[in-house]
């Protein structure tokens, strides 16, 4: 991919859009330090990430399509997270009947794919990092949890000053972003103004969840 040049402001919600294989996920993996740029540099608060990649990577929490679930829930200090906060989010994500927690350790990660994604969201949220990357997190979620992700979680993270990158095909929610970066054949274009006049639409939510 590339060449790419852009600046992202703290607290922005940035959607990465485009067809399959166009470079969105590759860009995201370069952005969070999993891949190394062949040219140029990535700077965070003016500091070149290449000078301290461990420091740089610690600023990100990510959920990619090939994510792995750990049974330990870690907080921003690298310690086991508070059980009450974990239980609160397990309930919010409708996982409290499937998963329990004791001293920061989850009882199980053996769940359906959609439930694993939700548990991954909990783990990511509890890390409380400055930057988040969600790679099509809502793709296999029902309308209830898609609405939760876009209309509750993202605004909450923004209110906390987090910068969030969302790889998404959910056009219903594009207007909820601050920036929209479109990828095509490895090239990136800022198309935010193309969607600014589009009013956000609401998916029909189920009356109840099993």
C-alpha atoms as a PDB file:
ATOM      1  CA  UNK A   1       0.000   0.000   0.000  1.00  0.00           C
ATOM      2  CA  UNK A   2       0.943   3.649  -0.281  1.00  0.00           C
ATOM      3  CA  UNK A   3       2.327   6.160  -0.428  1.00  0.00           C
ATOM      4  CA  UNK A   4       0.081   7.422   2.384  1.00  0.00           C
ATOM      5  CA  UNK A   5       0.264  10.710   4.244  1.00  0.00           C
ATOM      6  CA  UNK A   6      -2.312  11.791   6.812  1.00  0.00           C
ATOM      7  CA  UNK A   7      -2.698  13.334  10.252  1.00  0.00           C
ATOM      8  CA  UNK A   8      -5.200  12.128  12.844  1.00  0.00           C
ATOM      9  CA  UNK A   9      -6.251  14.239  15.804  1.00  0.00           C
ATOM     10  CA  UNK A  10      -6.661  12.904  19.317  1.00  0.00           C
ATOM     11  CA  UNK A  11     -10.260  11.856  20.029  1.00  0.00           C
ATOM     12  CA  UNK A  12     -11.281  11.324  16.406  1.00  0.00           C
ATOM     13  CA  UNK A  13     -13.429   8.428  15.222  1.00  0.00           C
ATOM     14  CA  UNK A  14     -11.913   7.386  11.890  1.00  0.00           C
ATOM     15  CA  UNK A  15     -13.657   4.949   9.553  1.00  0.00           C
ATOM     16  CA  UNK A  16     -11.523   2.985   7.083  1.00  0.00           C
ATOM     17  CA  UNK A  17     -13.651   1.907   4.131  1.00  0.00           C
ATOM     18  CA  UNK A  18     -13.211   0.207   0.763  1.00  0.00           C
ATOM     19  CA  UNK A  19     -13.580  -3.155  -0.915  1.00  0.00           C
ATOM     20  CA  UNK A  20     -11.993  -6.409   0.176  1.00  0.00           C
ATOM     21  CA  UNK A  21      -8.250  -6.576  -0.422  1.00  0.00           C
ATOM     22  CA  UNK A  22      -7.856  -2.833  -0.941  1.00  0.00           C
ATOM     23  CA  UNK A  23      -5.406  -2.267   1.928  1.00  0.00           C
ATOM     24  CA  UNK A  24      -7.536  -1.342   4.958  1.00  0.00           C
ATOM     25  CA  UNK A  25      -6.318  -4.095   7.281  1.00  0.00           C
ATOM     26  CA  UNK A  26      -2.728  -3.786   6.069  1.00  0.00           C
ATOM     27  CA  UNK A  27      -2.796  -0.065   6.811  1.00  0.00           C
ATOM     28  CA  UNK A  28      -4.247  -0.770  10.265  1.00  0.00           C
ATOM     29  CA  UNK A  29      -1.483  -3.282  11.022  1.00  0.00           C
ATOM     30  CA  UNK A  30       1.173  -0.803   9.924  1.00  0.00           C
ATOM     31  CA  UNK A  31      -0.524   1.861  12.011  1.00  0.00           C
ATOM     32  CA  UNK A  32      -0.407  -0.158  15.239  1.00  0.00           C
ATOM     33  CA  UNK A  33       3.145  -1.387  14.702  1.00  0.00           C
ATOM     34  CA  UNK A  34       2.494  -4.992  13.668  1.00  0.00           C
ATOM     35  CA  UNK A  35       3.985  -4.267  10.231  1.00  0.00           C
ATOM     36  CA  UNK A  36       6.956  -1.979   9.585  1.00  0.00           C
ATOM     37  CA  UNK A  37       6.738   0.713   6.887  1.00  0.00           C
ATOM     38  CA  UNK A  38       9.233   0.196   4.063  1.00  0.00           C
ATOM     39  CA  UNK A  39       9.579   3.972   3.725  1.00  0.00           C
ATOM     40  CA  UNK A  40       8.628   7.030   5.727  1.00  0.00           C
ATOM     41  CA  UNK A  41       7.679   7.140   9.389  1.00  0.00           C
ATOM     42  CA  UNK A  42       4.806   7.050  11.845  1.00  0.00           C
ATOM     43  CA  UNK A  43       4.784   9.712  14.544  1.00  0.00           C
ATOM     44  CA  UNK A  44       2.803   9.829  17.756  1.00  0.00           C
ATOM     45  CA  UNK A  45       2.779  13.213  19.494  1.00  0.00           C
ATOM     46  CA  UNK A  46       5.763  14.137  17.327  1.00  0.00           C
ATOM     47  CA  UNK A  47       7.808  11.106  18.367  1.00  0.00           C
ATOM     48  CA  UNK A  48       9.019   8.666  15.715  1.00  0.00           C
ATOM     49  CA  UNK A  49       7.523   5.257  16.503  1.00  0.00           C
ATOM     50  CA  UNK A  50      10.568   3.476  15.061  1.00  0.00           C
ATOM     51  CA  UNK A  51      12.725   4.769  17.922  1.00  0.00           C
ATOM     52  CA  UNK A  52      10.716   2.777  20.477  1.00  0.00           C
ATOM     53  CA  UNK A  53       8.269   0.318  18.955  1.00  0.00           C
ATOM     54  CA  UNK A  54       7.398  -1.292  22.296  1.00  0.00           C
ATOM     55  CA  UNK A  55       6.435   2.127  23.678  1.00  0.00           C
ATOM     56  CA  UNK A  56       4.431   2.877  20.539  1.00  0.00           C
ATOM     57  CA  UNK A  57       2.558  -0.455  20.415  1.00  0.00           C
ATOM     58  CA  UNK A  58       1.462  -0.064  24.044  1.00  0.00           C
ATOM     59  CA  UNK A  59      -0.771   2.828  22.954  1.00  0.00           C
ATOM     60  CA  UNK A  60      -3.023   0.500  20.924  1.00  0.00           C
ATOM     61  CA  UNK A  61      -5.700  -2.045  21.643  1.00  0.00           C
ATOM     62  CA  UNK A  62      -6.840  -3.936  18.557  1.00  0.00           C
ATOM     63  CA  UNK A  63      -9.370  -6.504  17.438  1.00  0.00           C
ATOM     64  CA  UNK A  64      -8.531  -7.985  14.042  1.00  0.00           C
ATOM     65  CA  UNK A  65     -10.383 -10.785  12.287  1.00  0.00           C
ATOM     66  CA  UNK A  66      -7.819 -13.347  13.490  1.00  0.00           C
ATOM     67  CA  UNK A  67      -7.912 -12.250  17.140  1.00  0.00           C
ATOM     68  CA  UNK A  68      -7.084 -14.547  20.060  1.00  0.00           C
ATOM     69  CA  UNK A  69      -8.876 -14.466  23.415  1.00  0.00           C
ATOM     70  CA  UNK A  70      -6.990 -14.608  26.704  1.00  0.00           C
ATOM     71  CA  UNK A  71      -8.777 -15.496  29.929  1.00  0.00           C
ATOM     72  CA  UNK A  72      -7.007 -12.732  31.867  1.00  0.00           C
ATOM     73  CA  UNK A  73      -8.594  -9.270  31.782  1.00  0.00           C
ATOM     74  CA  UNK A  74      -5.879  -6.607  31.944  1.00  0.00           C
ATOM     75  CA  UNK A  75      -6.371  -2.950  32.844  1.00  0.00           C
ATOM     76  CA  UNK A  76      -4.462   0.170  31.757  1.00  0.00           C
ATOM     77  CA  UNK A  77      -1.743  -0.492  34.348  1.00  0.00           C
ATOM     78  CA  UNK A  78      -1.073  -4.026  33.145  1.00  0.00           C
ATOM     79  CA  UNK A  79      -2.767  -5.475  36.234  1.00  0.00           C
ATOM     80  CA  UNK A  80      -5.761  -7.784  36.485  1.00  0.00           C
ATOM     81  CA  UNK A  81      -8.854  -5.640  36.035  1.00  0.00           C
ATOM     82  CA  UNK A  82     -11.523  -4.985  38.648  1.00  0.00           C
ATOM     83  CA  UNK A  83     -14.132  -7.766  38.788  1.00  0.00           C
ATOM     84  CA  UNK A  84     -17.072  -5.401  39.281  1.00  0.00           C
ATOM     85  CA  UNK A  85     -16.197  -3.421  36.154  1.00  0.00           C
ATOM     86  CA  UNK A  86     -15.794  -6.651  34.201  1.00  0.00           C
ATOM     87  CA  UNK A  87     -19.166  -7.957  35.395  1.00  0.00           C
ATOM     88  CA  UNK A  88     -20.805  -4.678  34.432  1.00  0.00           C
ATOM     89  CA  UNK A  89     -19.562  -5.032  30.877  1.00  0.00           C
ATOM     90  CA  UNK A  90     -20.337  -8.749  30.703  1.00  0.00           C
ATOM     91  CA  UNK A  91     -23.927  -7.822  31.494  1.00  0.00           C
ATOM     92  CA  UNK A  92     -23.970  -4.998  28.954  1.00  0.00           C
ATOM     93  CA  UNK A  93     -22.728  -7.397  26.263  1.00  0.00           C
ATOM     94  CA  UNK A  94     -25.236 -10.103  27.279  1.00  0.00           C
ATOM     95  CA  UNK A  95     -22.445 -12.486  28.262  1.00  0.00           C
ATOM     96  CA  UNK A  96     -23.091 -12.660  32.001  1.00  0.00           C
ATOM     97  CA  UNK A  97     -25.032 -15.931  31.626  1.00  0.00           C
ATOM     98  CA  UNK A  98     -22.124 -17.499  29.714  1.00  0.00           C
ATOM     99  CA  UNK A  99     -19.014 -16.129  31.406  1.00  0.00           C
ATOM    100  CA  UNK A 100     -18.130 -15.349  35.018  1.00  0.00           C
ATOM    101  CA  UNK A 101     -15.028 -13.683  36.433  1.00  0.00           C
ATOM    102  CA  UNK A 102     -12.984 -14.178  39.581  1.00  0.00           C
ATOM    103  CA  UNK A 103      -9.925 -12.050  40.385  1.00  0.00           C
ATOM    104  CA  UNK A 104      -9.641 -10.889  36.791  1.00  0.00           C
ATOM    105  CA  UNK A 105      -9.778 -14.405  35.310  1.00  0.00           C
ATOM    106  CA  UNK A 106     -12.633 -15.368  32.986  1.00  0.00           C
ATOM    107  CA  UNK A 107     -14.330 -18.720  33.515  1.00  0.00           C
ATOM    108  CA  UNK A 108     -14.317 -19.602  29.803  1.00  0.00           C
ATOM    109  CA  UNK A 109     -13.576 -18.330  26.313  1.00  0.00           C
ATOM    110  CA  UNK A 110     -15.355 -21.243  24.621  1.00  0.00           C
ATOM    111  CA  UNK A 111     -18.156 -19.314  22.943  1.00  0.00           C
ATOM    112  CA  UNK A 112     -19.779 -18.809  19.565  1.00  0.00           C
ATOM    113  CA  UNK A 113     -17.923 -16.569  17.110  1.00  0.00           C
ATOM    114  CA  UNK A 114     -20.220 -13.620  17.742  1.00  0.00           C
ATOM    115  CA  UNK A 115     -19.900 -14.047  21.506  1.00  0.00           C
ATOM    116  CA  UNK A 116     -16.107 -14.294  21.218  1.00  0.00           C
ATOM    117  CA  UNK A 117     -16.104 -10.994  19.358  1.00  0.00           C
ATOM    118  CA  UNK A 118     -18.100  -9.414  22.182  1.00  0.00           C
ATOM    119  CA  UNK A 119     -15.770 -10.849  24.806  1.00  0.00           C
ATOM    120  CA  UNK A 120     -12.841  -9.520  22.791  1.00  0.00           C
ATOM    121  CA  UNK A 121     -14.497  -6.113  22.872  1.00  0.00           C
ATOM    122  CA  UNK A 122     -14.641  -6.302  26.665  1.00  0.00           C
ATOM    123  CA  UNK A 123     -10.942  -7.226  26.885  1.00  0.00           C
ATOM    124  CA  UNK A 124     -10.035  -4.380  24.547  1.00  0.00           C
ATOM    125  CA  UNK A 125     -12.183  -1.839  26.375  1.00  0.00           C
ATOM    126  CA  UNK A 126     -10.719  -2.752  29.770  1.00  0.00           C
ATOM    127  CA  UNK A 127      -7.164  -2.140  28.507  1.00  0.00           C
ATOM    128  CA  UNK A 128      -8.068   1.570  28.392  1.00  0.00           C
ATOM    129  CA  UNK A 129      -5.479   2.505  25.761  1.00  0.00           C
ATOM    130  CA  UNK A 130      -5.325   5.871  23.945  1.00  0.00           C
ATOM    131  CA  UNK A 131      -5.913   4.292  20.510  1.00  0.00           C
ATOM    132  CA  UNK A 132      -8.195   1.497  19.342  1.00  0.00           C
ATOM    133  CA  UNK A 133      -8.510  -0.424  16.077  1.00  0.00           C
ATOM    134  CA  UNK A 134     -11.606  -2.500  15.332  1.00  0.00           C
ATOM    135  CA  UNK A 135     -11.437  -4.540  12.115  1.00  0.00           C
ATOM    136  CA  UNK A 136     -15.042  -5.151  11.008  1.00  0.00           C
ATOM    137  CA  UNK A 137     -16.005  -5.946  14.597  1.00  0.00           C
ATOM    138  CA  UNK A 138     -19.732  -5.583  13.913  1.00  0.00           C
ATOM    139  CA  UNK A 139     -19.761  -7.697  10.744  1.00  0.00           C
ATOM    140  CA  UNK A 140     -21.149 -10.849  12.394  1.00  0.00           C
ATOM    141  CA  UNK A 141     -23.208  -9.152  15.115  1.00  0.00           C
ATOM    142  CA  UNK A 142     -26.996  -8.796  15.102  1.00  0.00           C
ATOM    143  CA  UNK A 143     -28.604  -5.315  14.816  1.00  0.00           C
ATOM    144  CA  UNK A 144     -28.759  -4.890  18.597  1.00  0.00           C
ATOM    145  CA  UNK A 145     -25.016  -5.223  19.075  1.00  0.00           C
ATOM    146  CA  UNK A 146     -24.188  -3.302  15.897  1.00  0.00           C
ATOM    147  CA  UNK A 147     -26.170  -0.388  17.297  1.00  0.00           C
ATOM    148  CA  UNK A 148     -24.460  -0.828  20.661  1.00  0.00           C
ATOM    149  CA  UNK A 149     -21.037  -0.746  19.021  1.00  0.00           C
ATOM    150  CA  UNK A 150     -21.625   2.279  16.817  1.00  0.00           C
ATOM    151  CA  UNK A 151     -24.030   4.335  18.922  1.00  0.00           C
ATOM    152  CA  UNK A 152     -22.884   3.590  22.468  1.00  0.00           C
ATOM    153  CA  UNK A 153     -19.324   2.297  22.555  1.00  0.00           C
ATOM    154  CA  UNK A 154     -17.763   4.576  19.933  1.00  0.00           C
ATOM    155  CA  UNK A 155     -19.284   7.779  21.396  1.00  0.00           C
ATOM    156  CA  UNK A 156     -18.193   6.664  24.874  1.00  0.00           C
ATOM    157  CA  UNK A 157     -14.613   6.117  23.716  1.00  0.00           C
ATOM    158  CA  UNK A 158     -14.652   9.490  21.976  1.00  0.00           C
ATOM    159  CA  UNK A 159     -15.915  11.194  25.153  1.00  0.00           C
ATOM    160  CA  UNK A 160     -12.933   9.670  26.977  1.00  0.00           C
ATOM    161  CA  UNK A 161     -10.542  11.231  24.453  1.00  0.00           C
ATOM    162  CA  UNK A 162      -9.721   7.956  22.714  1.00  0.00           C
ATOM    163  CA  UNK A 163      -8.804   7.818  19.037  1.00  0.00           C
ATOM    164  CA  UNK A 164     -10.615   4.979  17.283  1.00  0.00           C
ATOM    165  CA  UNK A 165     -10.064   3.434  13.851  1.00  0.00           C
ATOM    166  CA  UNK A 166     -12.984   1.373  12.572  1.00  0.00           C
ATOM    167  CA  UNK A 167     -12.739  -0.811   9.473  1.00  0.00           C
ATOM    168  CA  UNK A 168     -16.329  -0.999   8.332  1.00  0.00           C
ATOM    169  CA  UNK A 169     -18.747  -1.687   5.483  1.00  0.00           C
ATOM    170  CA  UNK A 170     -21.736  -0.490   7.548  1.00  0.00           C
ATOM    171  CA  UNK A 171     -22.853   2.517   5.500  1.00  0.00           C
ATOM    172  CA  UNK A 172     -25.721   3.077   7.963  1.00  0.00           C
ATOM    173  CA  UNK A 173     -23.159   4.447  10.410  1.00  0.00           C
ATOM    174  CA  UNK A 174     -20.605   6.280   8.252  1.00  0.00           C
ATOM    175  CA  UNK A 175     -21.993   9.670   9.278  1.00  0.00           C
ATOM    176  CA  UNK A 176     -21.190   8.920  12.925  1.00  0.00           C
ATOM    177  CA  UNK A 177     -17.472   9.238  12.177  1.00  0.00           C
ATOM    178  CA  UNK A 178     -15.246  12.308  12.296  1.00  0.00           C
ATOM    179  CA  UNK A 179     -13.144  11.164   9.346  1.00  0.00           C
ATOM    180  CA  UNK A 180     -13.654   8.645   6.541  1.00  0.00           C
ATOM    181  CA  UNK A 181     -10.599   7.301   4.738  1.00  0.00           C
ATOM    182  CA  UNK A 182     -11.321   5.261   1.628  1.00  0.00           C
ATOM    183  CA  UNK A 183      -8.874   2.670   0.322  1.00  0.00           C
ATOM    184  CA  UNK A 184      -8.663   1.461  -3.258  1.00  0.00           C
ATOM    185  CA  UNK A 185      -5.809  -0.607  -4.723  1.00  0.00           C
ATOM    186  CA  UNK A 186      -3.557   0.351  -1.815  1.00  0.00           C
ATOM    187  CA  UNK A 187      -4.198   4.078  -2.164  1.00  0.00           C
ATOM    188  CA  UNK A 188      -5.990   6.167   0.445  1.00  0.00           C
ATOM    189  CA  UNK A 189      -8.319   9.134  -0.048  1.00  0.00           C
ATOM    190  CA  UNK A 190     -10.062  11.261   2.569  1.00  0.00           C
ATOM    191  CA  UNK A 191     -13.747  11.165   1.548  1.00  0.00           C
ATOM    192  CA  UNK A 192     -15.225  12.608   4.741  1.00  0.00           C
ATOM    193  CA  UNK A 193     -17.073  15.425   2.973  1.00  0.00           C
ATOM    194  CA  UNK A 194     -18.752  12.958   0.600  1.00  0.00           C
ATOM    195  CA  UNK A 195     -20.660  11.466   3.538  1.00  0.00           C
ATOM    196  CA  UNK A 196     -21.126  14.557   5.712  1.00  0.00           C
ATOM    197  CA  UNK A 197     -24.602  15.268   4.356  1.00  0.00           C
ATOM    198  CA  UNK A 198     -25.822  11.731   4.936  1.00  0.00           C
ATOM    199  CA  UNK A 199     -28.023  11.467   8.013  1.00  0.00           C
ATOM    200  CA  UNK A 200     -27.333   8.456  10.242  1.00  0.00           C
ATOM    201  CA  UNK A 201     -29.846   5.669   9.850  1.00  0.00           C
ATOM    202  CA  UNK A 202     -31.016   3.327  12.569  1.00  0.00           C
ATOM    203  CA  UNK A 203     -31.225  -0.400  12.095  1.00  0.00           C
ATOM    204  CA  UNK A 204     -34.285  -2.061  13.532  1.00  0.00           C
ATOM    205  CA  UNK A 205     -33.408  -3.571  16.879  1.00  0.00           C
ATOM    206  CA  UNK A 206     -34.806  -6.894  18.097  1.00  0.00           C
ATOM    207  CA  UNK A 207     -37.358  -6.652  20.879  1.00  0.00           C
ATOM    208  CA  UNK A 208     -35.467  -9.226  22.916  1.00  0.00           C
ATOM    209  CA  UNK A 209     -32.321 -11.297  22.783  1.00  0.00           C
ATOM    210  CA  UNK A 210     -32.060 -14.982  23.456  1.00  0.00           C
END
